Protein backbone atom coordinates (compact mmCIF):
# COMPACT_ATOMS: atom_id res chain seq x y z
CA MET A 1 158.32 -158.87 -120.43
CA GLY A 2 155.54 -157.87 -118.05
CA ALA A 3 153.35 -155.96 -120.52
CA SER A 4 153.77 -158.48 -123.32
CA ALA A 5 153.02 -161.42 -121.01
CA LEU A 6 149.91 -159.76 -119.58
CA ASN A 7 148.75 -158.82 -123.07
CA ALA A 8 149.11 -162.47 -124.11
CA PHE A 9 147.09 -163.55 -121.06
CA GLY A 10 144.48 -160.90 -121.84
CA ARG A 11 144.25 -162.06 -125.46
CA GLN A 12 143.69 -165.63 -124.30
CA LEU A 13 140.88 -164.47 -122.02
CA VAL A 14 139.20 -162.61 -124.90
CA ASP A 15 139.54 -165.56 -127.29
CA LEU A 16 138.13 -168.04 -124.78
CA THR A 17 135.25 -165.67 -123.95
CA LEU A 18 134.39 -165.29 -127.64
CA ASN A 19 134.53 -169.04 -128.12
CA LYS A 20 132.24 -169.51 -125.12
CA THR A 21 129.57 -167.23 -126.63
CA ARG A 22 128.83 -170.00 -129.13
CA TYR A 23 127.33 -171.91 -126.19
CA ASP A 24 126.40 -168.89 -124.04
CA ASN A 25 124.53 -166.58 -126.40
CA TRP A 26 123.62 -163.87 -123.90
CA ASP A 27 127.05 -163.50 -122.32
CA LEU A 28 128.61 -160.95 -124.68
CA GLN A 29 127.74 -157.41 -123.59
CA TRP A 30 130.38 -155.53 -125.61
CA PHE A 31 133.32 -156.30 -127.88
CA VAL A 32 135.55 -154.13 -130.07
CA GLU A 33 137.95 -155.71 -132.52
CA GLY A 34 140.23 -152.73 -133.04
CA PRO A 35 140.40 -148.92 -132.96
CA PHE A 36 137.74 -148.43 -135.65
CA TRP A 37 134.82 -150.38 -137.02
CA ARG A 38 132.07 -149.66 -139.54
CA ARG A 39 129.20 -151.94 -140.53
CA THR A 40 129.56 -152.98 -144.15
CA LYS A 41 126.58 -155.32 -144.43
CA MET A 42 123.02 -155.37 -143.18
CA ASP A 43 122.69 -158.99 -142.06
CA PHE A 44 121.52 -158.23 -138.54
CA SER A 45 118.33 -159.33 -136.87
CA ARG A 46 115.81 -156.88 -135.44
CA ASP A 47 114.22 -159.74 -133.48
CA TYR A 48 117.10 -160.34 -131.07
CA LYS A 49 118.98 -158.22 -128.56
CA GLN A 50 122.72 -158.67 -128.81
CA ILE A 51 125.59 -156.28 -128.13
CA PRO A 52 127.45 -155.74 -130.36
CA ASP A 53 125.35 -157.01 -133.25
CA TYR A 54 127.88 -158.09 -135.83
CA GLU A 55 129.24 -161.44 -136.94
CA LEU A 56 132.28 -162.59 -134.99
CA GLY A 57 133.03 -165.27 -137.58
CA TRP A 58 135.91 -167.60 -136.90
CA MET A 59 136.49 -166.16 -133.42
CA LYS A 60 133.42 -168.00 -132.11
CA HIS A 61 134.33 -171.43 -133.44
CA GLY A 62 136.85 -174.16 -132.99
CA LYS A 63 136.70 -175.09 -129.31
CA SER A 64 134.39 -177.36 -127.39
CA LEU A 65 133.25 -176.42 -123.88
CA ARG A 66 135.61 -179.02 -122.48
CA GLU A 67 138.53 -177.45 -124.37
CA ILE A 68 137.52 -173.99 -123.15
CA LEU A 69 137.46 -175.32 -119.58
CA ASP A 70 140.84 -177.04 -119.88
CA GLU A 71 142.53 -174.00 -121.44
CA GLY A 72 140.86 -171.68 -118.95
CA GLN A 73 142.14 -173.70 -116.02
CA VAL A 74 145.68 -173.69 -117.43
CA LEU A 75 145.46 -169.93 -118.04
CA HIS A 76 144.26 -169.39 -114.47
CA LYS A 77 147.16 -171.45 -113.12
CA ASN A 78 149.66 -169.49 -115.23
CA LEU A 79 148.25 -166.17 -114.03
CA LEU A 80 148.52 -167.24 -110.39
CA GLU A 81 152.13 -168.22 -111.02
CA TYR A 82 152.82 -164.86 -112.70
CA LYS A 83 151.21 -163.04 -109.78
CA LYS A 84 153.88 -164.35 -107.39
CA THR A 85 156.56 -162.17 -109.00
CA ALA A 86 154.43 -159.41 -110.51
CA MET A 87 155.43 -155.80 -109.97
CA GLU A 88 153.29 -153.68 -107.66
CA LYS A 89 152.07 -151.49 -110.53
CA GLU A 90 150.75 -154.63 -112.25
CA ALA A 91 148.72 -155.82 -109.26
CA ALA A 92 145.33 -154.42 -110.26
CA ARG A 93 145.59 -155.75 -113.81
CA VAL A 94 146.85 -159.18 -112.73
CA ASN A 95 144.08 -159.52 -110.15
CA TYR A 96 141.51 -158.49 -112.77
CA LEU A 97 142.74 -161.17 -115.18
CA VAL A 98 142.87 -163.81 -112.44
CA ASP A 99 139.31 -163.04 -111.34
CA HIS A 100 137.89 -162.95 -114.88
CA VAL A 101 139.49 -166.19 -115.94
CA ALA A 102 138.06 -167.75 -112.77
CA ASN A 103 134.62 -166.38 -113.73
CA LEU A 104 134.99 -167.85 -117.23
CA VAL A 105 136.04 -171.24 -115.87
CA PHE A 106 133.11 -171.28 -113.46
CA ARG A 107 130.56 -170.32 -116.11
CA THR A 108 131.95 -173.00 -118.44
CA ARG A 109 131.48 -175.58 -115.69
CA MET A 110 127.86 -174.43 -115.40
CA LEU A 111 127.37 -174.83 -119.15
CA LEU A 112 128.84 -178.33 -118.91
CA GLY A 113 126.19 -179.23 -116.35
CA ASP A 114 127.93 -178.85 -112.98
CA LYS A 115 125.44 -177.98 -110.24
CA PHE A 116 125.92 -175.25 -107.64
CA THR A 117 123.91 -173.55 -104.93
CA PHE A 118 122.68 -170.01 -105.57
CA ASP A 119 125.38 -168.50 -103.34
CA GLU A 120 128.08 -170.63 -105.01
CA MET A 121 126.79 -169.48 -108.39
CA THR A 122 126.95 -165.75 -107.58
CA GLN A 123 130.34 -166.20 -105.92
CA GLY A 124 131.66 -167.97 -108.99
CA LEU A 125 130.27 -165.50 -111.52
CA TYR A 126 130.51 -162.18 -109.66
CA ASP A 127 132.77 -162.84 -106.64
CA VAL A 128 130.09 -161.82 -104.13
CA VAL A 129 127.41 -163.50 -102.04
CA CYS A 130 124.32 -161.47 -101.19
CA PRO A 131 123.06 -161.97 -97.62
CA GLU A 132 119.43 -162.96 -97.28
CA THR A 133 116.93 -160.12 -97.03
CA ASP A 134 114.64 -159.95 -94.01
CA CYS A 135 111.08 -160.50 -95.29
CA ALA A 136 109.89 -157.94 -92.73
CA LYS A 137 111.13 -155.27 -95.16
CA PHE A 138 108.73 -156.57 -97.80
CA LYS A 139 105.77 -156.41 -95.43
CA GLU A 140 106.74 -152.97 -94.17
CA VAL A 141 106.89 -151.29 -97.59
CA CYS A 142 103.67 -153.01 -98.70
CA GLU A 143 101.80 -151.77 -95.65
CA GLU A 144 103.16 -148.26 -96.21
CA LEU A 145 102.06 -148.25 -99.85
CA GLU A 146 98.68 -149.80 -99.02
CA GLN A 147 97.97 -146.88 -96.69
CA ALA A 148 98.98 -144.35 -99.35
CA LEU A 149 97.18 -145.69 -102.43
CA PRO A 150 93.71 -144.23 -102.93
CA GLY A 151 90.60 -146.43 -103.07
CA THR A 152 88.90 -149.11 -100.99
CA SER A 153 89.43 -152.21 -103.13
CA SER A 154 92.08 -154.84 -102.38
CA PHE A 155 95.73 -153.83 -102.25
CA ASN A 156 96.56 -155.80 -105.42
CA ASP A 157 93.66 -154.23 -107.32
CA ARG A 158 94.81 -150.75 -106.31
CA LEU A 159 98.37 -151.60 -107.36
CA VAL A 160 97.14 -152.59 -110.81
CA LYS A 161 95.10 -149.39 -111.02
CA PHE A 162 98.06 -147.24 -109.99
CA LYS A 163 100.32 -148.86 -112.59
CA GLU A 164 97.70 -148.14 -115.23
CA ARG A 165 97.70 -144.49 -114.21
CA ILE A 166 101.51 -144.15 -114.56
CA LEU A 167 101.64 -146.11 -117.83
CA VAL A 168 103.01 -144.29 -120.89
CA LYS A 169 100.67 -145.01 -123.78
CA PRO A 170 102.23 -146.16 -127.08
CA GLU A 171 101.31 -142.93 -128.88
CA TYR A 172 103.43 -140.93 -126.42
CA LEU A 173 106.29 -143.39 -126.02
CA LEU A 174 108.62 -142.03 -128.73
CA LYS A 175 108.43 -138.49 -127.36
CA VAL A 176 109.04 -139.69 -123.79
CA ILE A 177 111.97 -141.97 -124.67
CA LYS A 178 113.59 -139.28 -126.82
CA SER A 179 113.19 -136.59 -124.18
CA THR A 180 114.61 -138.69 -121.33
CA THR A 181 117.45 -139.98 -123.50
CA LYS A 182 118.41 -136.43 -124.50
CA ALA A 183 118.14 -135.13 -120.93
CA TRP A 184 120.44 -137.85 -119.53
CA HIS A 185 122.76 -137.44 -122.51
CA ASP A 186 123.14 -133.75 -121.67
CA ILE A 187 123.92 -134.65 -118.05
CA ALA A 188 126.65 -137.07 -119.20
CA VAL A 189 128.19 -134.43 -121.49
CA GLU A 190 128.12 -131.83 -118.73
CA LYS A 191 129.52 -134.04 -115.96
CA MET A 192 131.95 -136.34 -117.80
CA ASP A 193 134.73 -136.11 -120.37
CA VAL A 194 132.60 -137.29 -123.30
CA THR A 195 132.23 -135.51 -126.61
CA GLY A 196 128.48 -135.91 -126.97
CA ASN A 197 128.77 -138.02 -130.14
CA SER A 198 127.32 -141.22 -128.73
CA MET A 199 123.64 -140.54 -128.04
CA PRO A 200 121.78 -143.45 -129.66
CA ARG A 201 119.14 -143.02 -132.33
CA ILE A 202 115.79 -143.81 -130.74
CA ARG A 203 112.95 -145.68 -132.36
CA VAL A 204 109.85 -147.41 -131.05
CA GLY A 205 107.87 -150.28 -132.53
CA GLU A 206 106.21 -153.61 -131.88
CA LEU A 207 108.81 -156.30 -131.18
CA PRO A 208 108.02 -160.04 -131.42
CA THR A 209 107.00 -160.51 -127.76
CA PRO A 210 105.93 -158.13 -124.96
CA ASP A 211 108.85 -159.16 -122.71
CA MET A 212 111.45 -157.90 -125.21
CA VAL A 213 112.20 -154.45 -123.79
CA PHE A 214 114.39 -153.17 -126.63
CA ILE A 215 116.78 -154.26 -129.35
CA SER A 216 120.15 -152.66 -130.13
CA ILE A 217 122.01 -152.24 -133.39
CA LEU A 218 125.64 -151.07 -133.49
CA PHE A 219 126.56 -149.46 -136.80
CA GLY A 220 130.11 -148.38 -135.98
CA TYR A 221 132.51 -146.85 -133.50
CA ASP A 222 135.74 -144.97 -133.19
CA TYR A 223 137.65 -143.52 -130.25
CA ASN A 224 134.86 -141.30 -128.90
CA HIS A 225 131.86 -142.08 -131.06
CA LEU A 226 129.41 -144.96 -130.84
CA GLU A 227 126.94 -145.07 -133.73
CA TYR A 228 124.07 -146.83 -132.12
CA GLU A 229 120.35 -147.46 -132.55
CA ARG A 230 117.82 -148.66 -129.99
CA THR A 231 114.24 -149.67 -130.75
CA PHE A 232 111.97 -149.75 -127.69
CA ASN A 233 109.04 -152.13 -127.63
CA THR A 234 105.57 -150.53 -127.69
CA LEU A 235 104.16 -153.83 -126.39
CA TYR A 236 106.17 -153.56 -123.15
CA PRO A 237 104.37 -151.93 -120.16
CA TRP A 238 106.23 -148.62 -119.92
CA THR A 239 105.32 -147.35 -116.48
CA VAL A 240 107.25 -144.30 -115.28
CA ASP A 241 109.64 -146.40 -113.18
CA LYS A 242 110.44 -148.61 -116.20
CA VAL A 243 111.29 -145.57 -118.32
CA MET A 244 113.67 -144.44 -115.58
CA GLU A 245 115.04 -147.98 -115.26
CA TYR A 246 115.90 -148.49 -118.91
CA ILE A 247 117.00 -145.09 -120.21
CA GLY A 248 119.63 -143.64 -117.88
CA HIS A 249 120.92 -147.04 -116.81
CA GLU A 250 121.10 -148.61 -120.28
CA ASN A 251 122.03 -145.52 -122.30
CA GLU A 252 123.92 -142.52 -120.93
CA PRO A 253 125.45 -142.01 -118.39
CA GLY A 254 125.06 -145.77 -117.96
CA HIS A 255 126.19 -148.65 -120.11
CA LEU A 256 126.80 -146.80 -123.37
CA THR A 257 129.04 -144.32 -121.59
CA CYS A 258 130.90 -147.19 -119.91
CA PHE A 259 131.35 -148.92 -123.29
CA GLU A 260 132.72 -145.69 -124.77
CA LYS A 261 135.21 -145.20 -121.92
CA ARG A 262 136.36 -148.84 -122.08
CA THR A 263 136.86 -148.55 -125.83
CA GLN A 264 139.03 -145.48 -125.26
CA LYS A 265 141.03 -147.35 -122.61
CA PHE A 266 141.53 -150.28 -124.98
CA ILE A 267 142.83 -147.96 -127.71
CA ASP A 268 145.02 -145.93 -125.31
CA THR A 269 146.67 -148.94 -123.65
CA CYS A 270 146.25 -151.86 -126.10
CA TRP A 271 145.07 -154.00 -123.18
CA PRO A 272 143.03 -156.79 -124.80
CA GLU A 273 140.84 -157.40 -121.75
CA MET A 274 139.42 -153.86 -122.10
CA SER A 275 137.97 -154.77 -125.50
CA ILE A 276 135.31 -157.06 -124.09
CA VAL A 277 132.56 -157.09 -121.47
CA SER A 278 131.26 -160.48 -120.39
CA GLN A 279 127.89 -160.53 -118.62
CA HIS A 280 129.00 -163.34 -116.34
CA SER A 281 131.90 -161.51 -114.74
CA THR A 282 132.68 -159.52 -111.64
CA SER A 283 133.53 -156.35 -113.57
CA ASN A 284 130.22 -156.40 -115.41
CA ALA A 285 128.38 -156.72 -112.09
CA MET A 286 130.37 -153.70 -110.90
CA GLY A 287 129.36 -151.91 -114.12
CA GLU A 288 125.69 -152.72 -113.53
CA GLY A 289 125.77 -151.23 -110.05
CA SER A 290 127.84 -148.18 -110.95
CA SER A 291 125.81 -147.32 -114.07
CA ARG A 292 122.63 -147.42 -111.98
CA PHE A 293 124.33 -145.27 -109.36
CA ALA A 294 125.28 -142.68 -111.99
CA ALA A 295 121.81 -142.62 -113.55
CA PHE A 296 119.70 -142.53 -110.39
CA ASN A 297 121.97 -140.95 -107.78
CA LEU A 298 124.68 -138.80 -109.35
CA SER A 299 122.42 -137.43 -112.09
CA PHE A 300 120.11 -135.91 -109.47
CA ASN A 301 122.78 -135.02 -106.91
CA HIS A 302 121.29 -137.65 -104.55
CA SER A 303 118.06 -135.64 -104.36
CA ILE A 304 114.67 -137.36 -104.68
CA ASP A 305 113.09 -133.93 -105.29
CA LYS A 306 115.33 -133.37 -108.32
CA MET A 307 114.45 -136.82 -109.63
CA LEU A 308 110.74 -136.04 -109.25
CA ASP A 309 111.23 -132.77 -111.15
CA PHE A 310 112.90 -134.81 -113.91
CA GLU A 311 110.04 -137.31 -114.02
CA GLY A 312 107.48 -134.54 -114.09
CA GLU A 313 109.13 -132.64 -116.93
CA TYR A 314 110.33 -135.48 -119.16
CA ILE A 315 107.77 -138.23 -118.52
CA PHE A 316 104.54 -137.02 -116.89
CA GLU A 317 104.08 -133.94 -119.08
CA PRO A 318 104.82 -135.43 -122.54
CA ALA A 319 102.91 -138.62 -121.63
CA LYS A 320 99.93 -136.53 -120.41
CA LEU A 321 99.92 -138.28 -117.03
CA ASP A 322 98.27 -136.88 -113.91
CA LYS A 323 101.05 -134.90 -112.19
CA SER A 324 99.30 -135.16 -108.84
CA LEU A 325 100.57 -138.76 -108.79
CA LEU A 326 104.13 -137.45 -108.45
CA GLU A 327 103.68 -137.26 -104.69
CA LEU A 328 103.33 -141.05 -104.60
CA MET A 329 106.41 -141.71 -106.74
CA PRO A 330 109.03 -141.72 -103.94
CA LEU A 331 107.11 -144.48 -102.17
CA TRP A 332 106.50 -146.25 -105.48
CA HIS A 333 110.24 -146.26 -106.26
CA LYS A 334 110.93 -147.62 -102.77
CA PHE A 335 108.34 -150.35 -103.34
CA CYS A 336 109.95 -151.29 -106.69
CA GLU A 337 113.42 -151.32 -105.14
CA ILE A 338 112.36 -153.61 -102.29
CA GLY A 339 110.48 -155.73 -104.83
CA ASN A 340 113.72 -156.47 -106.65
CA TYR A 341 115.10 -157.95 -103.42
CA ALA A 342 111.96 -160.07 -103.08
CA LYS A 343 112.65 -161.36 -106.58
CA LEU A 344 116.26 -162.01 -105.55
CA GLU A 345 115.06 -164.12 -102.61
CA ALA A 346 112.57 -165.97 -104.81
CA SER A 347 115.32 -166.66 -107.37
CA ARG A 348 117.60 -167.96 -104.59
CA ARG A 349 114.98 -170.42 -103.40
CA TYR A 350 114.01 -171.42 -106.92
CA TRP A 351 117.64 -172.06 -107.89
CA ASP A 352 118.27 -174.08 -104.72
CA GLY A 353 115.17 -176.21 -105.35
CA GLU A 354 113.31 -175.02 -102.25
CA TRP A 355 110.41 -173.48 -104.22
CA ASN A 356 108.74 -174.38 -107.50
CA ASP A 357 107.18 -171.98 -110.02
CA GLU A 358 103.88 -171.68 -108.16
CA GLU A 359 105.50 -171.07 -104.79
CA CYS A 360 107.69 -168.29 -106.23
CA ILE A 361 104.70 -166.66 -107.92
CA ASP A 362 102.57 -166.94 -104.78
CA PHE A 363 105.35 -165.33 -102.71
CA LEU A 364 105.77 -162.39 -105.09
CA GLU A 365 102.06 -161.95 -105.74
CA GLY A 366 101.31 -162.08 -102.02
CA TYR A 367 103.30 -158.89 -101.51
CA GLY A 368 102.08 -157.30 -104.73
CA PHE A 369 105.51 -157.37 -106.38
CA THR A 370 103.99 -159.14 -109.38
CA THR A 371 100.63 -160.11 -110.77
CA ARG A 372 99.60 -163.62 -111.71
CA CYS A 373 99.98 -162.91 -115.43
CA GLU A 374 103.48 -161.43 -114.96
CA GLY A 375 104.80 -163.95 -112.45
CA GLN A 376 105.60 -166.83 -114.78
CA SER A 377 107.76 -164.64 -117.02
CA ILE A 378 109.76 -163.51 -113.97
CA VAL A 379 110.23 -167.07 -112.73
CA ASP A 380 111.25 -168.25 -116.19
CA GLY A 381 114.17 -165.82 -116.00
CA PHE A 382 115.49 -167.27 -112.75
CA ALA A 383 117.16 -170.26 -114.40
CA THR A 384 117.79 -169.11 -117.97
CA LYS A 385 120.12 -166.54 -119.54
CA ASP A 386 120.92 -164.49 -116.43
CA PRO A 387 120.45 -166.55 -113.25
CA GLY A 388 122.23 -164.09 -110.96
CA HIS A 389 120.46 -161.02 -112.38
CA TYR A 390 119.15 -159.59 -109.11
CA VAL A 391 122.52 -159.91 -107.37
CA ALA A 392 124.47 -158.41 -110.28
CA HIS A 393 122.04 -155.51 -110.73
CA TYR A 394 120.66 -154.61 -107.30
CA TYR A 395 122.97 -155.92 -104.61
CA SER A 396 125.80 -154.48 -106.71
CA LEU A 397 124.09 -151.06 -106.57
CA ASP A 398 124.02 -151.24 -102.77
CA LEU A 399 127.73 -152.09 -102.73
CA VAL A 400 128.53 -149.19 -105.06
CA LYS A 401 126.51 -146.78 -102.88
CA ASP A 402 128.47 -147.95 -99.81
CA TYR A 403 131.74 -147.58 -101.71
CA PHE A 404 131.04 -143.97 -102.73
CA LEU A 405 129.82 -143.13 -99.23
CA SER A 406 133.12 -144.38 -97.82
CA LEU A 407 135.05 -142.02 -100.13
CA ASN A 408 133.32 -138.92 -98.71
CA LEU A 409 133.64 -136.92 -101.95
CA ASP A 410 131.75 -133.91 -103.26
CA ILE A 411 129.48 -134.47 -106.26
CA ASP A 412 132.03 -133.40 -108.91
CA CYS A 413 134.63 -135.78 -107.50
CA GLN A 414 132.01 -138.54 -107.43
CA TRP A 415 131.41 -138.03 -111.14
CA ALA A 416 135.16 -138.13 -111.79
CA THR A 417 135.43 -141.35 -109.77
CA TYR A 418 132.56 -142.93 -111.68
CA GLU A 419 134.24 -142.04 -114.97
CA LYS A 420 137.46 -143.71 -113.83
CA LEU A 421 135.53 -146.80 -112.73
CA CYS A 422 134.09 -147.21 -116.23
CA SER A 423 137.51 -148.03 -117.68
CA SER A 424 139.37 -149.36 -114.66
CA HIS A 425 140.45 -152.81 -113.54
CA MET A 426 138.08 -152.55 -110.56
CA THR A 427 135.69 -155.42 -109.92
CA LEU A 428 132.63 -155.86 -107.75
CA LYS A 429 134.79 -157.71 -105.23
CA ASP A 430 137.10 -154.67 -105.10
CA ILE A 431 134.09 -152.40 -104.59
CA LYS A 432 132.84 -154.55 -101.71
CA GLU A 433 136.31 -154.56 -100.13
CA LYS A 434 136.55 -150.77 -100.73
CA LYS A 435 139.89 -150.98 -102.47
CA SER A 436 141.42 -147.75 -103.72
CA LEU A 437 140.89 -146.85 -107.36
CA GLN A 438 144.21 -146.80 -109.15
């Protein structure tokens, strides 16, 4: 009775999530219909990023937002009732379903027009609230970088100049993206139980707008093989930090590896909830943080020197960049990391109506975390497809780092733990509370 009931609940969650994507286009991160799939038609768009990129047909239609909300609330109530008598071995799965249905209900209320504060929004979507960051940290890292950057012009002018010097030119982009993708792929194969069949095909080209980083096409999958293509935008400003940001984290050992492990779990267990990844959910926020942790921490054995060696070999050399700039990269990465928290604070104040567009841009530009021409694009993202982006991506990384530190494991055991996380019923709330991984 237990397994069949939970499978029915899980199927309802999947169906409601798919129905919601009709009104929430950017929500669906990953979905597998069954053990195997192969593209049989070529009606996909190369102008739009969507994962997976195939027609869901009837699964996306038939329910209004109000119906999704009503059914979601009933499902949540039924799960809470089931939880009262659930067996101990079911606890993690039941809690996962309860939390994800709550996330779905909350997001549906947002789509229906209900208003929430920023903290209420991140609590409802990801089950965490990020404490406010002390602005003294922003000033401190800016002053440190200002002292280190060469030149006598203004700080902002020297920032622009430095970014130009670590920019991968379009003619070198394909070689750089391929080399970094292959290097991280080899790390994933060495450190995790993956067959090596899922490295994406890499292409580069001009996409419709400069702010489109890449587009993804899924051609098929089976138990341990994702047939995947990614085209990276030559119009996007590919500084060294952006290459690092989007390759290991988005590809392997990041999201693609997580998708592969979840697909295996779905096939092994027949648990419907493992077939889908919703952007607006606590497990996806956990996945964002853990995939970044794997790419930027585990892959280099927590060593900044090893990461600099990687950047020198796979980015600076093939892109013909000045390798003397490598000595500034640790401080540059720190500056970028702190800058993401400045953007989080700007998004908090924008969402809560405390600041308008200009005030957000002035705040970020004042510290050098953006330029005037880039600022509007950043602010536009605060209230659109991914309003809690900086909490789900960066605060989640901090929580994952704290979680792994609390485990006190050697590097091989950390890799094994990360692999289990990819296909577990753990959520970001569980990570914050440092619950044991079952």
